[in-house]
């Protein structure tokens, strides 16, 4: 992930009318649980699943995807199963009879691992992180897009790019974040902001308005570039009295959205953000 750079403090208040989302309504249990897809229920594949689950739960619990790059993680990864409190399987082909030479050993299963804070919190400390247990605000995403033919603001109920909407939600889930897009009606009056693309500063695209105490605005531009052989993404977020800006070039929009959500998580969690 590219570096996040704070600049002069400022607060941009983004248009209202967005639903307020709070993640983890059922408490913090979801933060200490993770899933992996494994082939069968044998010991070898279970250990592979334990390692995948440990990576997922540490990223989600800390809010910092770079935690797996820290010194000391390899040692924890090697004994991933020792951190698991309990686990269970769900057959992804449940209800489909075994046929031909297929047996239960090679059927895909969802492996769910559960952890205790007493096991993971000390590990986070060893890795230089801390649990992000505070209620996680919704991320109010205002994104101006320019592809090869069109310019539009991504909305949750628009028809411009439902695949982008799905990709944004998929990027938010692993970090226990909620990404909220505006309604199409909310952006009709903002069509002129698309004219300056691709040179525009994200902060200049959407004028100050109102926001709630329960959401955090993330402003961005996503511009297709033949030269970069992919999308150029620019992101901006204000939090804690500081402004953060970061960018990524030559990527798919899936990667751009993962980059956006990872950057937001690092900033809001205080784990890894400058």
C-alpha atoms as a PDB file:
ATOM      1  CA  UNK A   1       0.000   0.000   0.000  1.00  0.00           C
ATOM      2  CA  UNK A   2       1.246   3.478  -0.789  1.00  0.00           C
ATOM      3  CA  UNK A   3       2.293   5.863   1.955  1.00  0.00           C
ATOM      4  CA  UNK A   4      -0.251   8.184   3.549  1.00  0.00           C
ATOM      5  CA  UNK A   5       0.861  11.803   3.889  1.00  0.00           C
ATOM      6  CA  UNK A   6      -0.825  14.314   6.226  1.00  0.00           C
ATOM      7  CA  UNK A   7      -1.041  17.948   5.108  1.00  0.00           C
ATOM      8  CA  UNK A   8      -2.460  21.096   6.671  1.00  0.00           C
ATOM      9  CA  UNK A   9      -5.425  20.457   8.946  1.00  0.00           C
ATOM     10  CA  UNK A  10      -8.874  21.094   7.524  1.00  0.00           C
ATOM     11  CA  UNK A  11     -12.334  19.607   7.735  1.00  0.00           C
ATOM     12  CA  UNK A  12     -14.490  19.155   4.675  1.00  0.00           C
ATOM     13  CA  UNK A  13     -18.123  18.481   5.556  1.00  0.00           C
ATOM     14  CA  UNK A  14     -19.800  16.284   3.024  1.00  0.00           C
ATOM     15  CA  UNK A  15     -23.408  16.378   1.856  1.00  0.00           C
ATOM     16  CA  UNK A  16     -26.055  14.988   4.171  1.00  0.00           C
ATOM     17  CA  UNK A  17     -28.807  12.527   3.469  1.00  0.00           C
ATOM     18  CA  UNK A  18     -26.527   9.513   3.965  1.00  0.00           C
ATOM     19  CA  UNK A  19     -27.722   6.721   6.237  1.00  0.00           C
ATOM     20  CA  UNK A  20     -25.685   6.344   9.388  1.00  0.00           C
ATOM     21  CA  UNK A  21     -23.988   2.949   9.586  1.00  0.00           C
ATOM     22  CA  UNK A  22     -22.395   1.491  12.666  1.00  0.00           C
ATOM     23  CA  UNK A  23     -20.420  -1.712  12.286  1.00  0.00           C
ATOM     24  CA  UNK A  24     -20.272  -4.317  15.040  1.00  0.00           C
ATOM     25  CA  UNK A  25     -23.773  -3.757  16.382  1.00  0.00           C
ATOM     26  CA  UNK A  26     -23.609  -7.186  17.978  1.00  0.00           C
ATOM     27  CA  UNK A  27     -20.440  -6.335  19.890  1.00  0.00           C
ATOM     28  CA  UNK A  28     -16.810  -7.152  19.297  1.00  0.00           C
ATOM     29  CA  UNK A  29     -17.199 -10.912  18.838  1.00  0.00           C
ATOM     30  CA  UNK A  30     -17.056 -10.485  15.069  1.00  0.00           C
ATOM     31  CA  UNK A  31     -13.627  -8.889  15.377  1.00  0.00           C
ATOM     32  CA  UNK A  32     -12.285 -12.044  17.011  1.00  0.00           C
ATOM     33  CA  UNK A  33     -13.655 -14.363  14.334  1.00  0.00           C
ATOM     34  CA  UNK A  34     -12.428 -15.058  10.808  1.00  0.00           C
ATOM     35  CA  UNK A  35     -13.089 -17.411   7.898  1.00  0.00           C
ATOM     36  CA  UNK A  36     -11.163 -19.196   5.192  1.00  0.00           C
ATOM     37  CA  UNK A  37     -12.120 -21.521   2.351  1.00  0.00           C
ATOM     38  CA  UNK A  38     -10.339 -24.874   2.600  1.00  0.00           C
ATOM     39  CA  UNK A  39     -10.419 -28.075   0.598  1.00  0.00           C
ATOM     40  CA  UNK A  40     -11.808 -30.800   2.838  1.00  0.00           C
ATOM     41  CA  UNK A  41     -11.378 -31.123   6.577  1.00  0.00           C
ATOM     42  CA  UNK A  42      -7.995 -32.835   6.730  1.00  0.00           C
ATOM     43  CA  UNK A  43      -5.189 -31.704   8.997  1.00  0.00           C
ATOM     44  CA  UNK A  44      -2.933 -30.312   6.248  1.00  0.00           C
ATOM     45  CA  UNK A  45      -5.620 -28.071   4.784  1.00  0.00           C
ATOM     46  CA  UNK A  46      -6.825 -27.114   8.261  1.00  0.00           C
ATOM     47  CA  UNK A  47      -3.368 -25.740   9.104  1.00  0.00           C
ATOM     48  CA  UNK A  48      -3.398 -23.759   5.854  1.00  0.00           C
ATOM     49  CA  UNK A  49      -6.803 -22.401   6.852  1.00  0.00           C
ATOM     50  CA  UNK A  50      -5.553 -21.509  10.331  1.00  0.00           C
ATOM     51  CA  UNK A  51      -2.824 -19.360   8.776  1.00  0.00           C
ATOM     52  CA  UNK A  52      -5.283 -17.610   6.455  1.00  0.00           C
ATOM     53  CA  UNK A  53      -7.667 -16.999   9.351  1.00  0.00           C
ATOM     54  CA  UNK A  54      -4.908 -15.563  11.534  1.00  0.00           C
ATOM     55  CA  UNK A  55      -3.889 -13.101   8.835  1.00  0.00           C
ATOM     56  CA  UNK A  56      -7.501 -12.054   8.304  1.00  0.00           C
ATOM     57  CA  UNK A  57      -8.349 -11.625  11.982  1.00  0.00           C
ATOM     58  CA  UNK A  58      -5.197  -9.632  12.787  1.00  0.00           C
ATOM     59  CA  UNK A  59      -5.840  -7.222   9.906  1.00  0.00           C
ATOM     60  CA  UNK A  60      -9.492  -6.815  10.858  1.00  0.00           C
ATOM     61  CA  UNK A  61      -8.837  -6.471  14.590  1.00  0.00           C
ATOM     62  CA  UNK A  62      -6.014  -3.940  14.205  1.00  0.00           C
ATOM     63  CA  UNK A  63      -7.309  -2.117  11.130  1.00  0.00           C
ATOM     64  CA  UNK A  64      -3.819  -2.306   9.645  1.00  0.00           C
ATOM     65  CA  UNK A  65      -3.226  -4.549   6.608  1.00  0.00           C
ATOM     66  CA  UNK A  66       0.536  -4.031   6.905  1.00  0.00           C
ATOM     67  CA  UNK A  67       0.629  -6.027  10.148  1.00  0.00           C
ATOM     68  CA  UNK A  68       1.504  -9.173   8.187  1.00  0.00           C
ATOM     69  CA  UNK A  69       4.698  -7.467   7.001  1.00  0.00           C
ATOM     70  CA  UNK A  70       5.993  -6.751  10.492  1.00  0.00           C
ATOM     71  CA  UNK A  71       8.952  -8.570  12.059  1.00  0.00           C
ATOM     72  CA  UNK A  72       7.611 -11.320  14.254  1.00  0.00           C
ATOM     73  CA  UNK A  73       4.577 -12.148  12.161  1.00  0.00           C
ATOM     74  CA  UNK A  74       6.291 -15.112  10.473  1.00  0.00           C
ATOM     75  CA  UNK A  75       6.841 -16.748  13.868  1.00  0.00           C
ATOM     76  CA  UNK A  76       3.169 -16.272  14.771  1.00  0.00           C
ATOM     77  CA  UNK A  77       2.082 -17.540  11.355  1.00  0.00           C
ATOM     78  CA  UNK A  78       4.080 -20.723  11.844  1.00  0.00           C
ATOM     79  CA  UNK A  79       2.011 -21.585  14.927  1.00  0.00           C
ATOM     80  CA  UNK A  80      -1.276 -20.056  13.775  1.00  0.00           C
ATOM     81  CA  UNK A  81      -3.358 -22.904  15.139  1.00  0.00           C
ATOM     82  CA  UNK A  82      -2.178 -22.263  18.696  1.00  0.00           C
ATOM     83  CA  UNK A  83      -4.121 -18.972  18.789  1.00  0.00           C
ATOM     84  CA  UNK A  84      -7.447 -20.562  17.795  1.00  0.00           C
ATOM     85  CA  UNK A  85      -9.969 -20.989  20.597  1.00  0.00           C
ATOM     86  CA  UNK A  86     -12.430 -23.077  18.559  1.00  0.00           C
ATOM     87  CA  UNK A  87     -13.218 -23.768  14.930  1.00  0.00           C
ATOM     88  CA  UNK A  88     -16.007 -25.205  12.805  1.00  0.00           C
ATOM     89  CA  UNK A  89     -16.680 -26.191   9.206  1.00  0.00           C
ATOM     90  CA  UNK A  90     -19.512 -25.617   6.760  1.00  0.00           C
ATOM     91  CA  UNK A  91     -19.672 -27.681   3.583  1.00  0.00           C
ATOM     92  CA  UNK A  92     -19.961 -25.243   0.679  1.00  0.00           C
ATOM     93  CA  UNK A  93     -21.586 -28.013  -1.389  1.00  0.00           C
ATOM     94  CA  UNK A  94     -24.066 -28.905   1.329  1.00  0.00           C
ATOM     95  CA  UNK A  95     -27.055 -30.652  -0.193  1.00  0.00           C
ATOM     96  CA  UNK A  96     -25.121 -31.732  -3.294  1.00  0.00           C
ATOM     97  CA  UNK A  97     -24.479 -35.496  -3.159  1.00  0.00           C
ATOM     98  CA  UNK A  98     -20.945 -36.833  -3.512  1.00  0.00           C
ATOM     99  CA  UNK A  99     -20.475 -38.116  -7.051  1.00  0.00           C
ATOM    100  CA  UNK A 100     -17.887 -39.806  -9.218  1.00  0.00           C
ATOM    101  CA  UNK A 101     -14.526 -39.906  -7.417  1.00  0.00           C
ATOM    102  CA  UNK A 102     -15.198 -36.849  -5.315  1.00  0.00           C
ATOM    103  CA  UNK A 103     -15.114 -37.466  -1.598  1.00  0.00           C
ATOM    104  CA  UNK A 104     -15.398 -35.370   1.500  1.00  0.00           C
ATOM    105  CA  UNK A 105     -11.626 -34.908   1.522  1.00  0.00           C
ATOM    106  CA  UNK A 106     -11.714 -32.605  -1.500  1.00  0.00           C
ATOM    107  CA  UNK A 107     -15.034 -30.799  -1.024  1.00  0.00           C
ATOM    108  CA  UNK A 108     -14.679 -27.059  -0.355  1.00  0.00           C
ATOM    109  CA  UNK A 109     -15.549 -25.973   3.178  1.00  0.00           C
ATOM    110  CA  UNK A 110     -15.801 -22.683   5.021  1.00  0.00           C
ATOM    111  CA  UNK A 111     -13.503 -22.873   8.028  1.00  0.00           C
ATOM    112  CA  UNK A 112     -14.502 -20.472  10.826  1.00  0.00           C
ATOM    113  CA  UNK A 113     -11.950 -19.735  13.541  1.00  0.00           C
ATOM    114  CA  UNK A 114     -12.780 -18.073  16.837  1.00  0.00           C
ATOM    115  CA  UNK A 115     -10.248 -16.396  19.086  1.00  0.00           C
ATOM    116  CA  UNK A 116     -10.108 -15.070  22.628  1.00  0.00           C
ATOM    117  CA  UNK A 117      -8.863 -11.538  23.339  1.00  0.00           C
ATOM    118  CA  UNK A 118      -6.429 -13.032  25.841  1.00  0.00           C
ATOM    119  CA  UNK A 119      -4.744 -14.846  22.947  1.00  0.00           C
ATOM    120  CA  UNK A 120      -4.755 -12.154  20.248  1.00  0.00           C
ATOM    121  CA  UNK A 121      -4.316  -8.913  22.180  1.00  0.00           C
ATOM    122  CA  UNK A 122      -0.828  -9.833  23.469  1.00  0.00           C
ATOM    123  CA  UNK A 123       0.138 -10.913  19.939  1.00  0.00           C
ATOM    124  CA  UNK A 124      -0.965  -7.553  18.572  1.00  0.00           C
ATOM    125  CA  UNK A 125       1.176  -5.844  21.187  1.00  0.00           C
ATOM    126  CA  UNK A 126       4.183  -7.953  20.186  1.00  0.00           C
ATOM    127  CA  UNK A 127       3.605  -6.854  16.585  1.00  0.00           C
ATOM    128  CA  UNK A 128       3.421  -3.196  17.590  1.00  0.00           C
ATOM    129  CA  UNK A 129      -0.343  -2.831  17.180  1.00  0.00           C
ATOM    130  CA  UNK A 130      -3.406  -2.615  19.402  1.00  0.00           C
ATOM    131  CA  UNK A 131      -7.014  -3.782  19.024  1.00  0.00           C
ATOM    132  CA  UNK A 132      -9.325  -1.299  17.347  1.00  0.00           C
ATOM    133  CA  UNK A 133     -12.408  -1.910  19.490  1.00  0.00           C
ATOM    134  CA  UNK A 134     -14.180   1.438  19.235  1.00  0.00           C
ATOM    135  CA  UNK A 135     -17.385   1.522  17.150  1.00  0.00           C
ATOM    136  CA  UNK A 136     -16.303   1.925  13.552  1.00  0.00           C
ATOM    137  CA  UNK A 137     -17.860   4.844  11.698  1.00  0.00           C
ATOM    138  CA  UNK A 138     -19.403   4.502   8.294  1.00  0.00           C
ATOM    139  CA  UNK A 139     -17.146   5.719   5.494  1.00  0.00           C
ATOM    140  CA  UNK A 140     -19.120   8.189   3.367  1.00  0.00           C
ATOM    141  CA  UNK A 141     -17.537   7.747  -0.063  1.00  0.00           C
ATOM    142  CA  UNK A 142     -17.801  10.532  -2.641  1.00  0.00           C
ATOM    143  CA  UNK A 143     -16.064   9.346  -5.789  1.00  0.00           C
ATOM    144  CA  UNK A 144     -15.843  11.048  -9.185  1.00  0.00           C
ATOM    145  CA  UNK A 145     -15.072   8.596 -12.002  1.00  0.00           C
ATOM    146  CA  UNK A 146     -13.788   9.147 -15.535  1.00  0.00           C
ATOM    147  CA  UNK A 147     -13.470   6.089 -17.751  1.00  0.00           C
ATOM    148  CA  UNK A 148     -12.784   5.878 -21.471  1.00  0.00           C
ATOM    149  CA  UNK A 149     -16.200   7.287 -22.370  1.00  0.00           C
ATOM    150  CA  UNK A 150     -18.000   8.702 -19.329  1.00  0.00           C
ATOM    151  CA  UNK A 151     -17.737  10.903 -16.270  1.00  0.00           C
ATOM    152  CA  UNK A 152     -19.966  10.179 -13.283  1.00  0.00           C
ATOM    153  CA  UNK A 153     -20.223  10.181  -9.517  1.00  0.00           C
ATOM    154  CA  UNK A 154     -20.541   6.677  -8.128  1.00  0.00           C
ATOM    155  CA  UNK A 155     -23.891   6.217  -6.389  1.00  0.00           C
ATOM    156  CA  UNK A 156     -25.496   3.320  -4.582  1.00  0.00           C
ATOM    157  CA  UNK A 157     -28.643   3.376  -6.734  1.00  0.00           C
ATOM    158  CA  UNK A 158     -27.234   4.514 -10.076  1.00  0.00           C
ATOM    159  CA  UNK A 159     -26.747   2.376 -13.167  1.00  0.00           C
ATOM    160  CA  UNK A 160     -23.315   3.673 -14.211  1.00  0.00           C
ATOM    161  CA  UNK A 161     -21.251   0.888 -12.653  1.00  0.00           C
ATOM    162  CA  UNK A 162     -22.887  -1.659 -10.335  1.00  0.00           C
ATOM    163  CA  UNK A 163     -19.660  -3.673 -10.467  1.00  0.00           C
ATOM    164  CA  UNK A 164     -17.813  -0.783  -8.826  1.00  0.00           C
ATOM    165  CA  UNK A 165     -20.446  -0.588  -6.086  1.00  0.00           C
ATOM    166  CA  UNK A 166     -20.035  -4.305  -5.389  1.00  0.00           C
ATOM    167  CA  UNK A 167     -16.246  -4.003  -5.418  1.00  0.00           C
ATOM    168  CA  UNK A 168     -16.348  -1.147  -2.906  1.00  0.00           C
ATOM    169  CA  UNK A 169     -18.481  -3.151  -0.506  1.00  0.00           C
ATOM    170  CA  UNK A 170     -16.243  -6.180  -0.941  1.00  0.00           C
ATOM    171  CA  UNK A 171     -13.210  -4.045  -0.057  1.00  0.00           C
ATOM    172  CA  UNK A 172     -14.818  -2.726   3.124  1.00  0.00           C
ATOM    173  CA  UNK A 173     -15.979  -6.065   4.550  1.00  0.00           C
ATOM    174  CA  UNK A 174     -12.629  -7.647   5.546  1.00  0.00           C
ATOM    175  CA  UNK A 175     -11.824  -4.542   7.606  1.00  0.00           C
ATOM    176  CA  UNK A 176     -15.222  -4.501   9.360  1.00  0.00           C
ATOM    177  CA  UNK A 177     -15.955  -1.170   7.707  1.00  0.00           C
ATOM    178  CA  UNK A 178     -19.167   0.125   6.183  1.00  0.00           C
ATOM    179  CA  UNK A 179     -18.820   2.086   2.926  1.00  0.00           C
ATOM    180  CA  UNK A 180     -21.810   4.312   2.179  1.00  0.00           C
ATOM    181  CA  UNK A 181     -22.399   5.866  -1.234  1.00  0.00           C
ATOM    182  CA  UNK A 182     -24.733   8.808  -1.943  1.00  0.00           C
ATOM    183  CA  UNK A 183     -28.046   8.467  -3.732  1.00  0.00           C
ATOM    184  CA  UNK A 184     -28.179   9.437  -7.387  1.00  0.00           C
ATOM    185  CA  UNK A 185     -30.517  12.304  -6.476  1.00  0.00           C
ATOM    186  CA  UNK A 186     -27.878  13.702  -4.125  1.00  0.00           C
ATOM    187  CA  UNK A 187     -25.346  14.155  -6.914  1.00  0.00           C
ATOM    188  CA  UNK A 188     -27.505  15.481  -9.756  1.00  0.00           C
ATOM    189  CA  UNK A 189     -26.691  19.055  -8.794  1.00  0.00           C
ATOM    190  CA  UNK A 190     -23.005  18.177  -8.619  1.00  0.00           C
ATOM    191  CA  UNK A 191     -22.558  17.224 -12.265  1.00  0.00           C
ATOM    192  CA  UNK A 192     -20.393  20.295 -13.012  1.00  0.00           C
ATOM    193  CA  UNK A 193     -17.726  19.040 -10.619  1.00  0.00           C
ATOM    194  CA  UNK A 194     -16.796  16.380 -13.157  1.00  0.00           C
ATOM    195  CA  UNK A 195     -15.546  18.884 -15.730  1.00  0.00           C
ATOM    196  CA  UNK A 196     -12.051  19.342 -14.198  1.00  0.00           C
ATOM    197  CA  UNK A 197     -11.227  15.644 -14.262  1.00  0.00           C
ATOM    198  CA  UNK A 198      -8.615  14.201 -14.435  1.00  0.00           C
ATOM    199  CA  UNK A 199      -6.534  17.066 -13.026  1.00  0.00           C
ATOM    200  CA  UNK A 200      -8.854  17.994 -10.163  1.00  0.00           C
ATOM    201  CA  UNK A 201      -7.958  17.793  -6.506  1.00  0.00           C
ATOM    202  CA  UNK A 202     -10.562  15.505  -4.879  1.00  0.00           C
ATOM    203  CA  UNK A 203     -11.246  18.166  -2.229  1.00  0.00           C
ATOM    204  CA  UNK A 204     -12.385  20.624  -4.898  1.00  0.00           C
ATOM    205  CA  UNK A 205     -14.980  18.306  -6.406  1.00  0.00           C
ATOM    206  CA  UNK A 206     -17.497  18.303  -3.586  1.00  0.00           C
ATOM    207  CA  UNK A 207     -18.276  21.528  -1.688  1.00  0.00           C
ATOM    208  CA  UNK A 208     -18.587  21.594   2.107  1.00  0.00           C
ATOM    209  CA  UNK A 209     -22.010  20.714   3.453  1.00  0.00           C
ATOM    210  CA  UNK A 210     -23.099  18.733   6.482  1.00  0.00           C
ATOM    211  CA  UNK A 211     -21.965  15.485   8.050  1.00  0.00           C
ATOM    212  CA  UNK A 212     -22.885  13.570  11.158  1.00  0.00           C
ATOM    213  CA  UNK A 213     -20.774  12.483  14.089  1.00  0.00           C
ATOM    214  CA  UNK A 214     -21.173   8.889  12.935  1.00  0.00           C
ATOM    215  CA  UNK A 215     -19.670   8.978   9.458  1.00  0.00           C
ATOM    216  CA  UNK A 216     -16.322  10.004   8.003  1.00  0.00           C
ATOM    217  CA  UNK A 217     -16.039  11.359   4.463  1.00  0.00           C
ATOM    218  CA  UNK A 218     -13.640   9.808   1.995  1.00  0.00           C
ATOM    219  CA  UNK A 219     -13.317  11.877  -1.188  1.00  0.00           C
ATOM    220  CA  UNK A 220     -11.739  10.457  -4.304  1.00  0.00           C
ATOM    221  CA  UNK A 221     -11.218  10.502  -8.038  1.00  0.00           C
ATOM    222  CA  UNK A 222     -10.831   7.452 -10.231  1.00  0.00           C
ATOM    223  CA  UNK A 223      -9.527   8.087 -13.749  1.00  0.00           C
ATOM    224  CA  UNK A 224      -8.745   5.524 -16.429  1.00  0.00           C
ATOM    225  CA  UNK A 225      -5.310   5.949 -18.008  1.00  0.00           C
ATOM    226  CA  UNK A 226      -4.135   4.093 -21.096  1.00  0.00           C
ATOM    227  CA  UNK A 227      -0.611   5.241 -20.325  1.00  0.00           C
ATOM    228  CA  UNK A 228      -0.741   3.806 -16.797  1.00  0.00           C
ATOM    229  CA  UNK A 229      -2.553   0.719 -18.108  1.00  0.00           C
ATOM    230  CA  UNK A 230      -5.119   0.986 -15.395  1.00  0.00           C
ATOM    231  CA  UNK A 231      -6.920   3.354 -13.051  1.00  0.00           C
ATOM    232  CA  UNK A 232      -5.335   6.297 -11.278  1.00  0.00           C
ATOM    233  CA  UNK A 233      -6.939   6.752  -7.869  1.00  0.00           C
ATOM    234  CA  UNK A 234      -6.603   9.775  -5.578  1.00  0.00           C
ATOM    235  CA  UNK A 235      -8.041   9.713  -2.069  1.00  0.00           C
ATOM    236  CA  UNK A 236      -8.465  12.239   0.702  1.00  0.00           C
ATOM    237  CA  UNK A 237      -9.710  11.884   4.278  1.00  0.00           C
ATOM    238  CA  UNK A 238      -9.832  14.282   7.223  1.00  0.00           C
ATOM    239  CA  UNK A 239      -9.593  12.767  10.687  1.00  0.00           C
ATOM    240  CA  UNK A 240      -8.245  13.797  14.057  1.00  0.00           C
ATOM    241  CA  UNK A 241      -7.623  17.354  12.902  1.00  0.00           C
ATOM    242  CA  UNK A 242      -5.345  16.240  10.083  1.00  0.00           C
ATOM    243  CA  UNK A 243      -5.765  15.776   6.363  1.00  0.00           C
ATOM    244  CA  UNK A 244      -4.455  12.664   4.641  1.00  0.00           C
ATOM    245  CA  UNK A 245      -3.951  12.270   0.910  1.00  0.00           C
ATOM    246  CA  UNK A 246      -2.736   9.241  -1.000  1.00  0.00           C
ATOM    247  CA  UNK A 247      -2.843   7.873  -4.519  1.00  0.00           C
ATOM    248  CA  UNK A 248      -2.346   4.708  -6.539  1.00  0.00           C
ATOM    249  CA  UNK A 249      -1.713   4.305 -10.257  1.00  0.00           C
ATOM    250  CA  UNK A 250      -2.088   1.582 -12.882  1.00  0.00           C
ATOM    251  CA  UNK A 251      -4.446  -0.695 -10.950  1.00  0.00           C
ATOM    252  CA  UNK A 252      -7.850  -2.345 -11.294  1.00  0.00           C
ATOM    253  CA  UNK A 253     -10.766  -0.614  -9.588  1.00  0.00           C
ATOM    254  CA  UNK A 254     -10.922  -3.543  -7.162  1.00  0.00           C
ATOM    255  CA  UNK A 255      -7.360  -2.754  -6.079  1.00  0.00           C
ATOM    256  CA  UNK A 256      -8.168   0.959  -5.938  1.00  0.00           C
ATOM    257  CA  UNK A 257     -11.069   0.336  -3.555  1.00  0.00           C
ATOM    258  CA  UNK A 258      -9.036  -2.018  -1.389  1.00  0.00           C
ATOM    259  CA  UNK A 259      -6.381   0.688  -1.208  1.00  0.00           C
ATOM    260  CA  UNK A 260      -9.020   3.241  -0.191  1.00  0.00           C
ATOM    261  CA  UNK A 261     -10.508   1.113   2.586  1.00  0.00           C
ATOM    262  CA  UNK A 262      -7.102   0.048   3.871  1.00  0.00           C
ATOM    263  CA  UNK A 263      -5.990   3.667   4.005  1.00  0.00           C
ATOM    264  CA  UNK A 264      -9.161   4.674   5.836  1.00  0.00           C
ATOM    265  CA  UNK A 265      -8.720   1.852   8.359  1.00  0.00           C
ATOM    266  CA  UNK A 266      -5.112   2.764   9.069  1.00  0.00           C
ATOM    267  CA  UNK A 267      -6.022   6.398   9.647  1.00  0.00           C
ATOM    268  CA  UNK A 268      -9.039   5.751  11.857  1.00  0.00           C
ATOM    269  CA  UNK A 269      -7.488   2.949  13.901  1.00  0.00           C
ATOM    270  CA  UNK A 270      -4.261   4.799  14.601  1.00  0.00           C
ATOM    271  CA  UNK A 271      -2.385   1.606  13.742  1.00  0.00           C
ATOM    272  CA  UNK A 272       0.176   2.405  11.074  1.00  0.00           C
ATOM    273  CA  UNK A 273      -1.038   5.845  10.055  1.00  0.00           C
ATOM    274  CA  UNK A 274       1.616   8.587  10.370  1.00  0.00           C
END
